[in-house]
Amino acid sequence: MKKKILSGIFALALLGATGYGVNQSLKSDADLSDLALMNVEALANGEGSPNVECSTLCSDEWCGGIYIDGVYFYLHYCVFI
């Protein structure tokens, strides 16, 4: 009887520790998503000037950009010949 009670207490403690670990892991994923989003935005900004000329090798193209929250995003649509 004593062994069953101790086994039950151990199982509940293990279940509680596992649940706590999963909860903490899910909370930290939000921070990782924010960091990943900042990295994507940084990569989207590029290193060059936003006044890049459009290519003459395109049959149908559009070049331009847009400011979002003070950040310039260079946009270029091109269908190659």
C-alpha atoms as a PDB file:
ATOM      1  CA  MET A   1       0.000   0.000   0.000  1.00  0.00           C
ATOM      2  CA  LYS A   2       2.816   2.395   0.929  1.00  0.00           C
ATOM      3  CA  LYS A   3       4.596   1.605  -2.366  1.00  0.00           C
ATOM      4  CA  LYS A   4       1.462   2.473  -4.406  1.00  0.00           C
ATOM      5  CA  ILE A   5       1.049   5.795  -2.612  1.00  0.00           C
ATOM      6  CA  LEU A   6       4.698   6.727  -3.154  1.00  0.00           C
ATOM      7  CA  SER A   7       4.457   5.687  -6.821  1.00  0.00           C
ATOM      8  CA  GLY A   8       1.365   7.874  -7.251  1.00  0.00           C
ATOM      9  CA  ILE A   9       3.051  10.853  -5.605  1.00  0.00           C
ATOM     10  CA  PHE A  10       6.132  10.371  -7.794  1.00  0.00           C
ATOM     11  CA  ALA A  11       3.952  10.159 -10.937  1.00  0.00           C
ATOM     12  CA  LEU A  12       2.112  13.364 -10.006  1.00  0.00           C
ATOM     13  CA  ALA A  13       5.393  15.164  -9.297  1.00  0.00           C
ATOM     14  CA  LEU A  14       6.807  14.017 -12.637  1.00  0.00           C
ATOM     15  CA  LEU A  15       3.637  15.102 -14.444  1.00  0.00           C
ATOM     16  CA  GLY A  16       3.739  18.496 -12.727  1.00  0.00           C
ATOM     17  CA  ALA A  17       7.404  19.038 -13.594  1.00  0.00           C
ATOM     18  CA  THR A  18       6.770  18.065 -17.216  1.00  0.00           C
ATOM     19  CA  GLY A  19       3.784  20.415 -17.468  1.00  0.00           C
ATOM     20  CA  TYR A  20       5.801  23.270 -15.981  1.00  0.00           C
ATOM     21  CA  GLY A  21       8.651  22.651 -18.429  1.00  0.00           C
ATOM     22  CA  VAL A  22       6.300  22.630 -21.420  1.00  0.00           C
ATOM     23  CA  ASN A  23       4.630  25.823 -20.192  1.00  0.00           C
ATOM     24  CA  GLN A  24       7.985  27.617 -19.883  1.00  0.00           C
ATOM     25  CA  SER A  25       9.035  26.353 -23.304  1.00  0.00           C
ATOM     26  CA  LEU A  26       5.882  27.704 -24.938  1.00  0.00           C
ATOM     27  CA  LYS A  27       6.391  31.086 -23.298  1.00  0.00           C
ATOM     28  CA  SER A  28       9.943  31.367 -24.625  1.00  0.00           C
ATOM     29  CA  ASP A  29       8.814  30.598 -28.207  1.00  0.00           C
ATOM     30  CA  ALA A  30       7.133  34.030 -28.372  1.00  0.00           C
ATOM     31  CA  ASP A  31      10.500  35.689 -27.787  1.00  0.00           C
ATOM     32  CA  LEU A  32      12.074  33.556 -30.494  1.00  0.00           C
ATOM     33  CA  SER A  33       9.330  34.524 -32.930  1.00  0.00           C
ATOM     34  CA  ASP A  34       9.918  38.214 -32.227  1.00  0.00           C
ATOM     35  CA  LEU A  35      13.642  37.745 -32.779  1.00  0.00           C
ATOM     36  CA  ALA A  36      13.034  35.842 -36.009  1.00  0.00           C
ATOM     37  CA  LEU A  37      10.684  38.590 -37.209  1.00  0.00           C
ATOM     38  CA  MET A  38      13.305  41.254 -36.516  1.00  0.00           C
ATOM     39  CA  ASN A  39      15.859  39.215 -38.481  1.00  0.00           C
ATOM     40  CA  VAL A  40      13.489  38.928 -41.449  1.00  0.00           C
ATOM     41  CA  GLU A  41      12.869  42.675 -41.394  1.00  0.00           C
ATOM     42  CA  ALA A  42      16.605  43.356 -41.253  1.00  0.00           C
ATOM     43  CA  LEU A  43      17.223  41.058 -44.218  1.00  0.00           C
ATOM     44  CA  ALA A  44      14.363  42.645 -46.155  1.00  0.00           C
ATOM     45  CA  ASN A  45      15.940  46.085 -45.750  1.00  0.00           C
ATOM     46  CA  GLY A  46      19.016  45.000 -47.673  1.00  0.00           C
ATOM     47  CA  GLU A  47      22.346  46.793 -47.707  1.00  0.00           C
ATOM     48  CA  GLY A  48      22.016  48.879 -50.850  1.00  0.00           C
ATOM     49  CA  SER A  49      20.341  52.120 -51.708  1.00  0.00           C
ATOM     50  CA  PRO A  50      16.568  52.110 -52.267  1.00  0.00           C
ATOM     51  CA  ASN A  51      17.134  54.009 -55.548  1.00  0.00           C
ATOM     52  CA  VAL A  52      18.320  50.943 -57.485  1.00  0.00           C
ATOM     53  CA  GLU A  53      17.624  50.986 -61.226  1.00  0.00           C
ATOM     54  CA  CYS A  54      15.270  48.386 -62.637  1.00  0.00           C
ATOM     55  CA  SER A  55      16.786  45.798 -64.928  1.00  0.00           C
ATOM     56  CA  THR A  56      16.406  46.176 -68.707  1.00  0.00           C
ATOM     57  CA  LEU A  57      16.149  42.391 -69.051  1.00  0.00           C
ATOM     58  CA  CYS A  58      12.542  42.336 -67.913  1.00  0.00           C
ATOM     59  CA  SER A  59       9.555  42.273 -70.220  1.00  0.00           C
ATOM     60  CA  ASP A  60       7.127  43.271 -67.489  1.00  0.00           C
ATOM     61  CA  GLU A  61       8.437  44.929 -64.384  1.00  0.00           C
ATOM     62  CA  TRP A  62       7.638  47.286 -61.586  1.00  0.00           C
ATOM     63  CA  CYS A  63      10.127  48.842 -59.200  1.00  0.00           C
ATOM     64  CA  GLY A  64       9.385  50.856 -56.176  1.00  0.00           C
ATOM     65  CA  GLY A  65       9.298  50.836 -52.458  1.00  0.00           C
ATOM     66  CA  ILE A  66       7.215  51.524 -49.446  1.00  0.00           C
ATOM     67  CA  TYR A  67       7.890  52.897 -45.982  1.00  0.00           C
ATOM     68  CA  ILE A  68       6.416  50.876 -43.134  1.00  0.00           C
ATOM     69  CA  ASP A  69       7.018  52.150 -39.600  1.00  0.00           C
ATOM     70  CA  GLY A  70       9.921  54.263 -40.837  1.00  0.00           C
ATOM     71  CA  VAL A  71      11.619  51.355 -42.627  1.00  0.00           C
ATOM     72  CA  TYR A  72      11.981  51.420 -46.417  1.00  0.00           C
ATOM     73  CA  PHE A  73      11.185  48.163 -48.203  1.00  0.00           C
ATOM     74  CA  TYR A  74      12.458  47.918 -51.791  1.00  0.00           C
ATOM     75  CA  LEU A  75      10.006  46.107 -54.067  1.00  0.00           C
ATOM     76  CA  HIS A  76      10.818  44.777 -57.507  1.00  0.00           C
ATOM     77  CA  TYR A  77       8.554  42.685 -59.705  1.00  0.00           C
ATOM     78  CA  CYS A  78      10.128  41.292 -62.852  1.00  0.00           C
ATOM     79  CA  VAL A  79       9.231  38.775 -65.571  1.00  0.00           C
ATOM     80  CA  PHE A  80      12.465  37.860 -67.342  1.00  0.00           C
ATOM     81  CA  ILE A  81      12.610  37.811 -71.138  1.00  0.00           C
END
